[in-house]
Structure formats: structure tokens, C-alpha cells
Amino acid sequence: MERVRVAVPVLAAHAEATEDRGRIAPESLEAMREVGLYALGTPVGFSGTDVDLVTQVRAL
């Protein structure tokens, strides 16, 4: 969860642009990728983190 919290300032900084464009700002997408949000449910054998569903929901 600490890794995920690193993305929060970036997401907040680009929230208005995300709203204006109607899609997630590229900077926010990159921040989410960097902290591993896209790999939460992916098995470790496929370079994921394989966390449980509760942790995934908390992170997202």
C-alpha cells in the first residue's frame, strides 16, 4: 500500500485534466504503472504481485 500512496499526489495534480479530457491523464497512467497497480492481480510467474482481492480493492 505504501507504493500505491506514492501515486496519489500525481493523480491529484492531474485530476482536473482527467476530468476535462474525459480520460485519465497520461501522467496519471504512468504513475499507476510505476507503482504496480496494473499488476496487482497478475501471478508472480507473469511479473505480477498476485495480491488478494481485498488488497486490490484497497489499492484501487
C-alpha atoms as a PDB file:
ATOM      1  CA  MET A   1       0.000   0.000   0.000  1.00  0.00           C
ATOM      2  CA  GLU A   2       2.915   2.371   0.599  1.00  0.00           C
ATOM      3  CA  ARG A   3       3.940   2.056  -3.056  1.00  0.00           C
ATOM      4  CA  VAL A   4       0.408   2.901  -4.151  1.00  0.00           C
ATOM      5  CA  ARG A   5       0.334   6.023  -1.969  1.00  0.00           C
ATOM      6  CA  VAL A   6       3.259   7.415  -3.970  1.00  0.00           C
ATOM      7  CA  ALA A   7       0.921   7.846  -6.951  1.00  0.00           C
ATOM      8  CA  VAL A   8      -1.691   9.868  -5.052  1.00  0.00           C
ATOM      9  CA  PRO A   9      -0.043  13.311  -5.468  1.00  0.00           C
ATOM     10  CA  VAL A  10       0.385  12.699  -9.203  1.00  0.00           C
ATOM     11  CA  LEU A  11      -3.238  11.616  -9.569  1.00  0.00           C
ATOM     12  CA  ALA A  12      -4.416  14.640  -7.605  1.00  0.00           C
ATOM     13  CA  ALA A  13      -2.255  17.003  -9.657  1.00  0.00           C
ATOM     14  CA  HIS A  14      -3.789  15.728 -12.891  1.00  0.00           C
ATOM     15  CA  ALA A  15      -7.362  15.200 -11.694  1.00  0.00           C
ATOM     16  CA  GLU A  16      -8.670  18.347 -13.376  1.00  0.00           C
ATOM     17  CA  ALA A  17      -7.037  17.465 -16.697  1.00  0.00           C
ATOM     18  CA  THR A  18      -8.531  13.979 -16.412  1.00  0.00           C
ATOM     19  CA  GLU A  19     -11.989  15.460 -15.873  1.00  0.00           C
ATOM     20  CA  ASP A  20     -11.585  17.976 -18.694  1.00  0.00           C
ATOM     21  CA  ARG A  21     -10.393  15.382 -21.218  1.00  0.00           C
ATOM     22  CA  GLY A  22     -12.786  12.651 -20.157  1.00  0.00           C
ATOM     23  CA  ARG A  23      -9.897  10.189 -19.886  1.00  0.00           C
ATOM     24  CA  ILE A  24      -7.074   9.560 -17.473  1.00  0.00           C
ATOM     25  CA  ALA A  25      -4.129  11.906 -17.996  1.00  0.00           C
ATOM     26  CA  PRO A  26      -1.010  10.199 -19.380  1.00  0.00           C
ATOM     27  CA  GLU A  27       0.966  11.262 -16.305  1.00  0.00           C
ATOM     28  CA  SER A  28      -1.550   9.507 -14.066  1.00  0.00           C
ATOM     29  CA  LEU A  29      -1.437   6.343 -16.163  1.00  0.00           C
ATOM     30  CA  GLU A  30       2.347   6.315 -15.935  1.00  0.00           C
ATOM     31  CA  ALA A  31       2.275   6.856 -12.165  1.00  0.00           C
ATOM     32  CA  MET A  32      -0.153   3.959 -11.746  1.00  0.00           C
ATOM     33  CA  ARG A  33       2.068   1.759 -13.897  1.00  0.00           C
ATOM     34  CA  GLU A  34       5.184   2.721 -11.937  1.00  0.00           C
ATOM     35  CA  VAL A  35       3.661   1.752  -8.593  1.00  0.00           C
ATOM     36  CA  GLY A  36       2.368  -1.535  -9.953  1.00  0.00           C
ATOM     37  CA  LEU A  37      -1.398  -1.006  -9.934  1.00  0.00           C
ATOM     38  CA  TYR A  38      -1.825  -2.887 -13.191  1.00  0.00           C
ATOM     39  CA  ALA A  39      -0.022  -5.964 -11.847  1.00  0.00           C
ATOM     40  CA  LEU A  40      -1.942  -6.404  -8.604  1.00  0.00           C
ATOM     41  CA  GLY A  41      -3.874  -9.500  -9.602  1.00  0.00           C
ATOM     42  CA  THR A  42      -1.321 -10.875 -12.010  1.00  0.00           C
ATOM     43  CA  PRO A  43       0.511 -14.016 -10.846  1.00  0.00           C
ATOM     44  CA  VAL A  44       4.135 -13.590  -9.807  1.00  0.00           C
ATOM     45  CA  GLY A  45       5.153 -16.003 -12.579  1.00  0.00           C
ATOM     46  CA  PHE A  46       3.900 -13.417 -15.062  1.00  0.00           C
ATOM     47  CA  SER A  47       5.717 -10.488 -13.371  1.00  0.00           C
ATOM     48  CA  GLY A  48       2.760  -9.516 -11.202  1.00  0.00           C
ATOM     49  CA  THR A  49       2.326  -9.074  -7.473  1.00  0.00           C
ATOM     50  CA  ASP A  50      -0.517 -11.596  -7.049  1.00  0.00           C
ATOM     51  CA  VAL A  51      -2.164  -9.821  -4.110  1.00  0.00           C
ATOM     52  CA  ASP A  52      -5.516 -10.876  -2.693  1.00  0.00           C
ATOM     53  CA  LEU A  53      -8.778  -9.236  -3.764  1.00  0.00           C
ATOM     54  CA  VAL A  54      -9.139  -7.181  -0.567  1.00  0.00           C
ATOM     55  CA  THR A  55      -5.726  -5.612  -1.116  1.00  0.00           C
ATOM     56  CA  GLN A  56      -6.564  -4.911  -4.763  1.00  0.00           C
ATOM     57  CA  VAL A  57      -9.772  -3.100  -3.780  1.00  0.00           C
ATOM     58  CA  ARG A  58      -7.969  -1.075  -1.100  1.00  0.00           C
ATOM     59  CA  ALA A  59      -5.270  -0.045  -3.538  1.00  0.00           C
ATOM     60  CA  LEU A  60      -7.696   0.962  -6.235  1.00  0.00           C
END
